[in-house]
């Protein structure tokens, strides 16, 4: 949820930049700590800002689709007794 809010805040800022500045920011290397399944120790992953933005958009759309699918599934399985 926090990453969704953060990514929405970043979208507003990037729209006001010039294309030159935005492409320079997209090539900037950013490292994040990522939790891996089955481990308590986070893994450090480094990618460009553009790659992180693309992953954030994909994760956001996948979570939205998952929520929509769950809601439609639960409506169809209710008993009418």
PDB file of N, CA and C in Angstrom:
ATOM      1  N   UNK A   1       0.826  -1.187   0.000  1.00  0.00           N
ATOM      2  CA  UNK A   1       0.000   0.000   0.000  1.00  0.00           C
ATOM      3  C   UNK A   1       0.877   1.259   0.000  1.00  0.00           C
ATOM      4  N   UNK A   2       1.921   1.228   0.846  1.00  0.00           N
ATOM      5  CA  UNK A   2       2.807   2.376   0.931  1.00  0.00           C
ATOM      6  C   UNK A   2       3.518   2.617  -0.391  1.00  0.00           C
ATOM      7  N   UNK A   3       3.953   1.527  -1.036  1.00  0.00           N
ATOM      8  CA  UNK A   3       4.660   1.700  -2.307  1.00  0.00           C
ATOM      9  C   UNK A   3       3.734   2.263  -3.381  1.00  0.00           C
ATOM     10  N   UNK A   4       2.440   1.913  -3.313  1.00  0.00           N
ATOM     11  CA  UNK A   4       1.482   2.456  -4.270  1.00  0.00           C
ATOM     12  C   UNK A   4       1.356   3.961  -4.082  1.00  0.00           C
ATOM     13  N   UNK A   5       1.236   4.415  -2.833  1.00  0.00           N
ATOM     14  CA  UNK A   5       1.138   5.848  -2.570  1.00  0.00           C
ATOM     15  C   UNK A   5       2.412   6.570  -2.982  1.00  0.00           C
ATOM     16  N   UNK A   6       3.541   5.941  -2.703  1.00  0.00           N
ATOM     17  CA  UNK A   6       4.816   6.535  -3.075  1.00  0.00           C
ATOM     18  C   UNK A   6       4.938   6.654  -4.591  1.00  0.00           C
ATOM     19  N   UNK A   7       4.542   5.602  -5.302  1.00  0.00           N
ATOM     20  CA  UNK A   7       4.651   5.650  -6.758  1.00  0.00           C
ATOM     21  C   UNK A   7       3.678   6.663  -7.355  1.00  0.00           C
ATOM     22  N   UNK A   8       2.488   6.827  -6.744  1.00  0.00           N
ATOM     23  CA  UNK A   8       1.551   7.826  -7.247  1.00  0.00           C
ATOM     24  C   UNK A   8       2.092   9.230  -7.022  1.00  0.00           C
ATOM     25  N   UNK A   9       2.761   9.441  -5.895  1.00  0.00           N
ATOM     26  CA  UNK A   9       3.368  10.737  -5.634  1.00  0.00           C
ATOM     27  C   UNK A   9       4.489  11.042  -6.605  1.00  0.00           C
ATOM     28  N   UNK A  10       5.247  10.029  -6.977  1.00  0.00           N
ATOM     29  CA  UNK A  10       6.362  10.219  -7.895  1.00  0.00           C
ATOM     30  C   UNK A  10       5.861  10.509  -9.306  1.00  0.00           C
ATOM     31  N   UNK A  11       4.709   9.972  -9.686  1.00  0.00           N
ATOM     32  CA  UNK A  11       4.183  10.189 -11.027  1.00  0.00           C
ATOM     33  C   UNK A  11       3.879  11.662 -11.236  1.00  0.00           C
ATOM     34  N   UNK A  12       3.305  12.319 -10.230  1.00  0.00           N
ATOM     35  CA  UNK A  12       3.003  13.741 -10.348  1.00  0.00           C
ATOM     36  C   UNK A  12       4.253  14.573 -10.524  1.00  0.00           C
ATOM     37  N   UNK A  13       5.333  14.212  -9.856  1.00  0.00           N
ATOM     38  CA  UNK A  13       6.577  14.962  -9.970  1.00  0.00           C
ATOM     39  C   UNK A  13       7.241  14.767 -11.326  1.00  0.00           C
ATOM     40  N   UNK A  14       7.220  13.580 -11.863  1.00  0.00           N
ATOM     41  CA  UNK A  14       7.927  13.314 -13.111  1.00  0.00           C
ATOM     42  C   UNK A  14       7.221  13.925 -14.311  1.00  0.00           C
ATOM     43  N   UNK A  15       5.932  14.184 -14.217  1.00  0.00           N
ATOM     44  CA  UNK A  15       5.218  14.756 -15.353  1.00  0.00           C
ATOM     45  C   UNK A  15       5.611  16.211 -15.594  1.00  0.00           C
ATOM     46  N   UNK A  16       6.103  16.892 -14.567  1.00  0.00           N
ATOM     47  CA  UNK A  16       6.462  18.295 -14.725  1.00  0.00           C
ATOM     48  C   UNK A  16       7.890  18.493 -15.200  1.00  0.00           C
ATOM     49  N   UNK A  17       8.697  17.451 -15.233  1.00  0.00           N
ATOM     50  CA  UNK A  17      10.091  17.565 -15.661  1.00  0.00           C
ATOM     51  C   UNK A  17      10.200  17.617 -17.178  1.00  0.00           C
ATOM     52  N   UNK A  18      11.289  18.189 -17.647  1.00  0.00           N
ATOM     53  CA  UNK A  18      11.588  18.144 -19.072  1.00  0.00           C
ATOM     54  C   UNK A  18      11.955  16.720 -19.447  1.00  0.00           C
ATOM     55  N   UNK A  19      11.864  16.394 -20.717  1.00  0.00           N
ATOM     56  CA  UNK A  19      12.191  15.037 -21.153  1.00  0.00           C
ATOM     57  C   UNK A  19      13.663  14.707 -20.937  1.00  0.00           C
ATOM     58  N   UNK A  20      14.560  15.703 -21.063  1.00  0.00           N
ATOM     59  CA  UNK A  20      15.984  15.479 -20.830  1.00  0.00           C
ATOM     60  C   UNK A  20      16.246  15.121 -19.373  1.00  0.00           C
ATOM     61  N   UNK A  21      15.646  15.883 -18.468  1.00  0.00           N
ATOM     62  CA  UNK A  21      15.830  15.627 -17.046  1.00  0.00           C
ATOM     63  C   UNK A  21      15.240  14.276 -16.662  1.00  0.00           C
ATOM     64  N   UNK A  22      14.102  13.961 -17.244  1.00  0.00           N
ATOM     65  CA  UNK A  22      13.443  12.697 -16.923  1.00  0.00           C
ATOM     66  C   UNK A  22      14.267  11.512 -17.405  1.00  0.00           C
ATOM     67  N   UNK A  23      14.850  11.597 -18.593  1.00  0.00           N
ATOM     68  CA  UNK A  23      15.661  10.485 -19.081  1.00  0.00           C
ATOM     69  C   UNK A  23      16.935  10.336 -18.247  1.00  0.00           C
ATOM     70  N   UNK A  24      17.475  11.442 -17.761  1.00  0.00           N
ATOM     71  CA  UNK A  24      18.652  11.365 -16.894  1.00  0.00           C
ATOM     72  C   UNK A  24      18.290  10.713 -15.569  1.00  0.00           C
ATOM     73  N   UNK A  25      17.105  11.044 -15.031  1.00  0.00           N
ATOM     74  CA  UNK A  25      16.651  10.432 -13.792  1.00  0.00           C
ATOM     75  C   UNK A  25      16.338   8.949 -13.995  1.00  0.00           C
ATOM     76  N   UNK A  26      15.820   8.589 -15.157  1.00  0.00           N
ATOM     77  CA  UNK A  26      15.503   7.190 -15.437  1.00  0.00           C
ATOM     78  C   UNK A  26      16.754   6.324 -15.471  1.00  0.00           C
ATOM     79  N   UNK A  27      17.898   6.905 -15.828  1.00  0.00           N
ATOM     80  CA  UNK A  27      19.140   6.148 -15.901  1.00  0.00           C
ATOM     81  C   UNK A  27      19.890   6.106 -14.579  1.00  0.00           C
ATOM     82  N   UNK A  28      19.411   6.833 -13.579  1.00  0.00           N
ATOM     83  CA  UNK A  28      20.062   6.853 -12.267  1.00  0.00           C
ATOM     84  C   UNK A  28      19.883   5.495 -11.592  1.00  0.00           C
ATOM     85  N   UNK A  29      20.949   4.979 -11.028  1.00  0.00           N
ATOM     86  CA  UNK A  29      20.943   3.661 -10.376  1.00  0.00           C
ATOM     87  C   UNK A  29      20.422   3.797  -8.947  1.00  0.00           C
ATOM     88  N   UNK A  30      19.416   2.971  -8.593  1.00  0.00           N
ATOM     89  CA  UNK A  30      18.803   2.997  -7.261  1.00  0.00           C
ATOM     90  C   UNK A  30      18.785   1.574  -6.714  1.00  0.00           C
ATOM     91  N   UNK A  31      19.170   1.422  -5.450  1.00  0.00           N
ATOM     92  CA  UNK A  31      19.168   0.111  -4.799  1.00  0.00           C
ATOM     93  C   UNK A  31      18.065   0.076  -3.746  1.00  0.00           C
ATOM     94  N   UNK A  32      17.390  -1.058  -3.653  1.00  0.00           N
ATOM     95  CA  UNK A  32      16.331  -1.268  -2.675  1.00  0.00           C
ATOM     96  C   UNK A  32      16.569  -2.596  -1.967  1.00  0.00           C
ATOM     97  N   UNK A  33      16.071  -2.677  -0.742  1.00  0.00           N
ATOM     98  CA  UNK A  33      16.071  -3.946  -0.017  1.00  0.00           C
ATOM     99  C   UNK A  33      14.761  -4.650  -0.319  1.00  0.00           C
ATOM    100  N   UNK A  34      14.847  -5.885  -0.785  1.00  0.00           N
ATOM    101  CA  UNK A  34      13.674  -6.651  -1.196  1.00  0.00           C
ATOM    102  C   UNK A  34      13.583  -7.904  -0.343  1.00  0.00           C
ATOM    103  N   UNK A  35      12.395  -8.157   0.208  1.00  0.00           N
ATOM    104  CA  UNK A  35      12.189  -9.367   0.993  1.00  0.00           C
ATOM    105  C   UNK A  35      12.063 -10.563   0.056  1.00  0.00           C
ATOM    106  N   UNK A  36      12.738 -11.650   0.403  1.00  0.00           N
ATOM    107  CA  UNK A  36      12.637 -12.863  -0.381  1.00  0.00           C
ATOM    108  C   UNK A  36      11.857 -13.907   0.407  1.00  0.00           C
ATOM    109  N   UNK A  37      11.094 -14.700  -0.277  1.00  0.00           N
ATOM    110  CA  UNK A  37      10.277 -15.725   0.346  1.00  0.00           C
ATOM    111  C   UNK A  37      11.165 -16.786   0.993  1.00  0.00           C
ATOM    112  N   UNK A  38      10.904 -17.077   2.258  1.00  0.00           N
ATOM    113  CA  UNK A  38      11.659 -18.094   2.967  1.00  0.00           C
ATOM    114  C   UNK A  38      12.909 -17.587   3.657  1.00  0.00           C
ATOM    115  N   UNK A  39      13.128 -16.290   3.650  1.00  0.00           N
ATOM    116  CA  UNK A  39      14.311 -15.731   4.291  1.00  0.00           C
ATOM    117  C   UNK A  39      13.938 -14.480   5.081  1.00  0.00           C
ATOM    118  N   UNK A  40      14.576 -14.314   6.223  1.00  0.00           N
ATOM    119  CA  UNK A  40      14.342 -13.116   7.024  1.00  0.00           C
ATOM    120  C   UNK A  40      15.301 -11.994   6.650  1.00  0.00           C
ATOM    121  N   UNK A  41      16.308 -12.329   5.880  1.00  0.00           N
ATOM    122  CA  UNK A  41      17.321 -11.352   5.487  1.00  0.00           C
ATOM    123  C   UNK A  41      16.938 -10.747   4.134  1.00  0.00           C
ATOM    124  N   UNK A  42      16.729  -9.420   4.084  1.00  0.00           N
ATOM    125  CA  UNK A  42      16.380  -8.807   2.799  1.00  0.00           C
ATOM    126  C   UNK A  42      17.553  -8.845   1.827  1.00  0.00           C
ATOM    127  N   UNK A  43      17.232  -8.910   0.564  1.00  0.00           N
ATOM    128  CA  UNK A  43      18.240  -8.942  -0.495  1.00  0.00           C
ATOM    129  C   UNK A  43      18.314  -7.548  -1.126  1.00  0.00           C
ATOM    130  N   UNK A  44      19.504  -7.085  -1.401  1.00  0.00           N
ATOM    131  CA  UNK A  44      19.695  -5.772  -2.017  1.00  0.00           C
ATOM    132  C   UNK A  44      19.667  -5.922  -3.535  1.00  0.00           C
ATOM    133  N   UNK A  45      18.756  -5.182  -4.172  1.00  0.00           N
ATOM    134  CA  UNK A  45      18.591  -5.237  -5.620  1.00  0.00           C
ATOM    135  C   UNK A  45      18.796  -3.838  -6.175  1.00  0.00           C
ATOM    136  N   UNK A  46      19.658  -3.719  -7.168  1.00  0.00           N
ATOM    137  CA  UNK A  46      19.946  -2.420  -7.793  1.00  0.00           C
ATOM    138  C   UNK A  46      19.455  -2.426  -9.241  1.00  0.00           C
ATOM    139  N   UNK A  47      18.702  -1.391  -9.589  1.00  0.00           N
ATOM    140  CA  UNK A  47      18.191  -1.217 -10.949  1.00  0.00           C
ATOM    141  C   UNK A  47      18.135   0.276 -11.250  1.00  0.00           C
ATOM    142  N   UNK A  48      17.850   0.609 -12.490  1.00  0.00           N
ATOM    143  CA  UNK A  48      17.704   2.021 -12.827  1.00  0.00           C
ATOM    144  C   UNK A  48      16.336   2.513 -12.339  1.00  0.00           C
ATOM    145  N   UNK A  49      16.234   3.832 -12.205  1.00  0.00           N
ATOM    146  CA  UNK A  49      14.977   4.429 -11.743  1.00  0.00           C
ATOM    147  C   UNK A  49      13.840   4.090 -12.709  1.00  0.00           C
ATOM    148  N   UNK A  50      14.121   4.062 -13.999  1.00  0.00           N
ATOM    149  CA  UNK A  50      13.108   3.710 -14.994  1.00  0.00           C
ATOM    150  C   UNK A  50      12.626   2.277 -14.837  1.00  0.00           C
ATOM    151  N   UNK A  51      13.550   1.354 -14.553  1.00  0.00           N
ATOM    152  CA  UNK A  51      13.166  -0.049 -14.347  1.00  0.00           C
ATOM    153  C   UNK A  51      12.308  -0.200 -13.096  1.00  0.00           C
ATOM    154  N   UNK A  52      12.674   0.516 -12.009  1.00  0.00           N
ATOM    155  CA  UNK A  52      11.863   0.457 -10.785  1.00  0.00           C
ATOM    156  C   UNK A  52      10.459   1.020 -11.039  1.00  0.00           C
ATOM    157  N   UNK A  53      10.378   2.110 -11.794  1.00  0.00           N
ATOM    158  CA  UNK A  53       9.070   2.702 -12.095  1.00  0.00           C
ATOM    159  C   UNK A  53       8.211   1.728 -12.893  1.00  0.00           C
ATOM    160  N   UNK A  54       8.823   1.034 -13.846  1.00  0.00           N
ATOM    161  CA  UNK A  54       8.098   0.059 -14.652  1.00  0.00           C
ATOM    162  C   UNK A  54       7.619  -1.096 -13.782  1.00  0.00           C
ATOM    163  N   UNK A  55       8.466  -1.589 -12.880  1.00  0.00           N
ATOM    164  CA  UNK A  55       8.068  -2.665 -11.970  1.00  0.00           C
ATOM    165  C   UNK A  55       6.961  -2.225 -11.024  1.00  0.00           C
ATOM    166  N   UNK A  56       7.048  -0.997 -10.520  1.00  0.00           N
ATOM    167  CA  UNK A  56       6.013  -0.478  -9.631  1.00  0.00           C
ATOM    168  C   UNK A  56       4.667  -0.386 -10.344  1.00  0.00           C
ATOM    169  N   UNK A  57       4.671   0.063 -11.594  1.00  0.00           N
ATOM    170  CA  UNK A  57       3.418   0.134 -12.359  1.00  0.00           C
ATOM    171  C   UNK A  57       2.849  -1.255 -12.594  1.00  0.00           C
ATOM    172  N   UNK A  58       3.706  -2.218 -12.936  1.00  0.00           N
ATOM    173  CA  UNK A  58       3.244  -3.584 -13.178  1.00  0.00           C
ATOM    174  C   UNK A  58       2.683  -4.207 -11.903  1.00  0.00           C
ATOM    175  N   UNK A  59       3.360  -4.005 -10.773  1.00  0.00           N
ATOM    176  CA  UNK A  59       2.874  -4.538  -9.507  1.00  0.00           C
ATOM    177  C   UNK A  59       1.558  -3.901  -9.104  1.00  0.00           C
ATOM    178  N   UNK A  60       1.421  -2.613  -9.352  1.00  0.00           N
ATOM    179  CA  UNK A  60       0.189  -1.916  -9.017  1.00  0.00           C
ATOM    180  C   UNK A  60      -0.978  -2.445  -9.843  1.00  0.00           C
ATOM    181  N   UNK A  61      -0.770  -2.619 -11.140  1.00  0.00           N
ATOM    182  CA  UNK A  61      -1.853  -3.112 -11.993  1.00  0.00           C
ATOM    183  C   UNK A  61      -2.194  -4.569 -11.672  1.00  0.00           C
ATOM    184  N   UNK A  62      -1.180  -5.362 -11.309  1.00  0.00           N
ATOM    185  CA  UNK A  62      -1.449  -6.756 -10.941  1.00  0.00           C
ATOM    186  C   UNK A  62      -2.231  -6.834  -9.645  1.00  0.00           C
ATOM    187  N   UNK A  63      -1.917  -5.995  -8.664  1.00  0.00           N
ATOM    188  CA  UNK A  63      -2.648  -6.034  -7.400  1.00  0.00           C
ATOM    189  C   UNK A  63      -4.070  -5.528  -7.587  1.00  0.00           C
ATOM    190  N   UNK A  64      -4.262  -4.517  -8.423  1.00  0.00           N
ATOM    191  CA  UNK A  64      -5.604  -4.018  -8.706  1.00  0.00           C
ATOM    192  C   UNK A  64      -6.426  -5.093  -9.401  1.00  0.00           C
ATOM    193  N   UNK A  65      -5.837  -5.783 -10.351  1.00  0.00           N
ATOM    194  CA  UNK A  65      -6.527  -6.861 -11.058  1.00  0.00           C
ATOM    195  C   UNK A  65      -6.869  -8.004 -10.113  1.00  0.00           C
ATOM    196  N   UNK A  66      -5.972  -8.324  -9.205  1.00  0.00           N
ATOM    197  CA  UNK A  66      -6.206  -9.395  -8.238  1.00  0.00           C
ATOM    198  C   UNK A  66      -7.365  -9.051  -7.312  1.00  0.00           C
ATOM    199  N   UNK A  67      -7.411  -7.821  -6.843  1.00  0.00           N
ATOM    200  CA  UNK A  67      -8.510  -7.384  -5.975  1.00  0.00           C
ATOM    201  C   UNK A  67      -9.829  -7.444  -6.726  1.00  0.00           C
ATOM    202  N   UNK A  68      -9.836  -6.979  -7.965  1.00  0.00           N
ATOM    203  CA  UNK A  68     -11.065  -7.005  -8.771  1.00  0.00           C
ATOM    204  C   UNK A  68     -11.539  -8.438  -8.983  1.00  0.00           C
ATOM    205  N   UNK A  69     -10.604  -9.326  -9.266  1.00  0.00           N
ATOM    206  CA  UNK A  69     -10.943 -10.722  -9.502  1.00  0.00           C
ATOM    207  C   UNK A  69     -11.492 -11.382  -8.232  1.00  0.00           C
ATOM    208  N   UNK A  70     -10.876 -11.074  -7.076  1.00  0.00           N
ATOM    209  CA  UNK A  70     -11.346 -11.631  -5.808  1.00  0.00           C
ATOM    210  C   UNK A  70     -12.754 -11.165  -5.486  1.00  0.00           C
ATOM    211  N   UNK A  71     -13.044  -9.910  -5.733  1.00  0.00           N
ATOM    212  CA  UNK A  71     -14.381  -9.377  -5.453  1.00  0.00           C
ATOM    213  C   UNK A  71     -15.424 -10.023  -6.344  1.00  0.00           C
ATOM    214  N   UNK A  72     -15.142 -10.197  -7.615  1.00  0.00           N
ATOM    215  CA  UNK A  72     -16.122 -10.794  -8.517  1.00  0.00           C
ATOM    216  C   UNK A  72     -16.308 -12.270  -8.196  1.00  0.00           C
ATOM    217  N   UNK A  73     -15.259 -12.951  -7.751  1.00  0.00           N
ATOM    218  CA  UNK A  73     -15.368 -14.354  -7.388  1.00  0.00           C
ATOM    219  C   UNK A  73     -16.234 -14.530  -6.154  1.00  0.00           C
ATOM    220  N   UNK A  74     -16.050 -13.688  -5.144  1.00  0.00           N
ATOM    221  CA  UNK A  74     -16.805 -13.845  -3.904  1.00  0.00           C
ATOM    222  C   UNK A  74     -18.280 -13.540  -4.109  1.00  0.00           C
ATOM    223  N   UNK A  75     -18.630 -12.668  -5.030  1.00  0.00           N
ATOM    224  CA  UNK A  75     -20.038 -12.402  -5.306  1.00  0.00           C
ATOM    225  C   UNK A  75     -20.720 -13.580  -5.972  1.00  0.00           C
ATOM    226  N   UNK A  76     -19.995 -14.310  -6.773  1.00  0.00           N
ATOM    227  CA  UNK A  76     -20.596 -15.411  -7.511  1.00  0.00           C
ATOM    228  C   UNK A  76     -20.762 -16.677  -6.698  1.00  0.00           C
ATOM    229  N   UNK A  77     -20.147 -16.784  -5.542  1.00  0.00           N
ATOM    230  CA  UNK A  77     -20.207 -18.026  -4.779  1.00  0.00           C
ATOM    231  C   UNK A  77     -21.100 -17.938  -3.552  1.00  0.00           C
ATOM    232  N   UNK A  78     -21.809 -16.843  -3.360  1.00  0.00           N
ATOM    233  CA  UNK A  78     -22.688 -16.715  -2.209  1.00  0.00           C
ATOM    234  C   UNK A  78     -23.940 -17.555  -2.394  1.00  0.00           C
ATOM    235  N   UNK A  79     -24.390 -18.178  -1.319  1.00  0.00           N
ATOM    236  CA  UNK A  79     -25.615 -18.978  -1.361  1.00  0.00           C
ATOM    237  C   UNK A  79     -26.821 -18.055  -1.294  1.00  0.00           C
ATOM    238  N   UNK A  80     -27.889 -18.437  -1.934  1.00  0.00           N
ATOM    239  CA  UNK A  80     -29.101 -17.606  -1.936  1.00  0.00           C
ATOM    240  C   UNK A  80     -30.184 -18.223  -1.038  1.00  0.00           C
ATOM    241  N   UNK A  81     -29.805 -18.883   0.048  1.00  0.00           N
ATOM    242  CA  UNK A  81     -30.782 -19.480   0.969  1.00  0.00           C
ATOM    243  C   UNK A  81     -31.417 -18.470   1.845  1.00  0.00           C
TER     244      UNK A  81
END
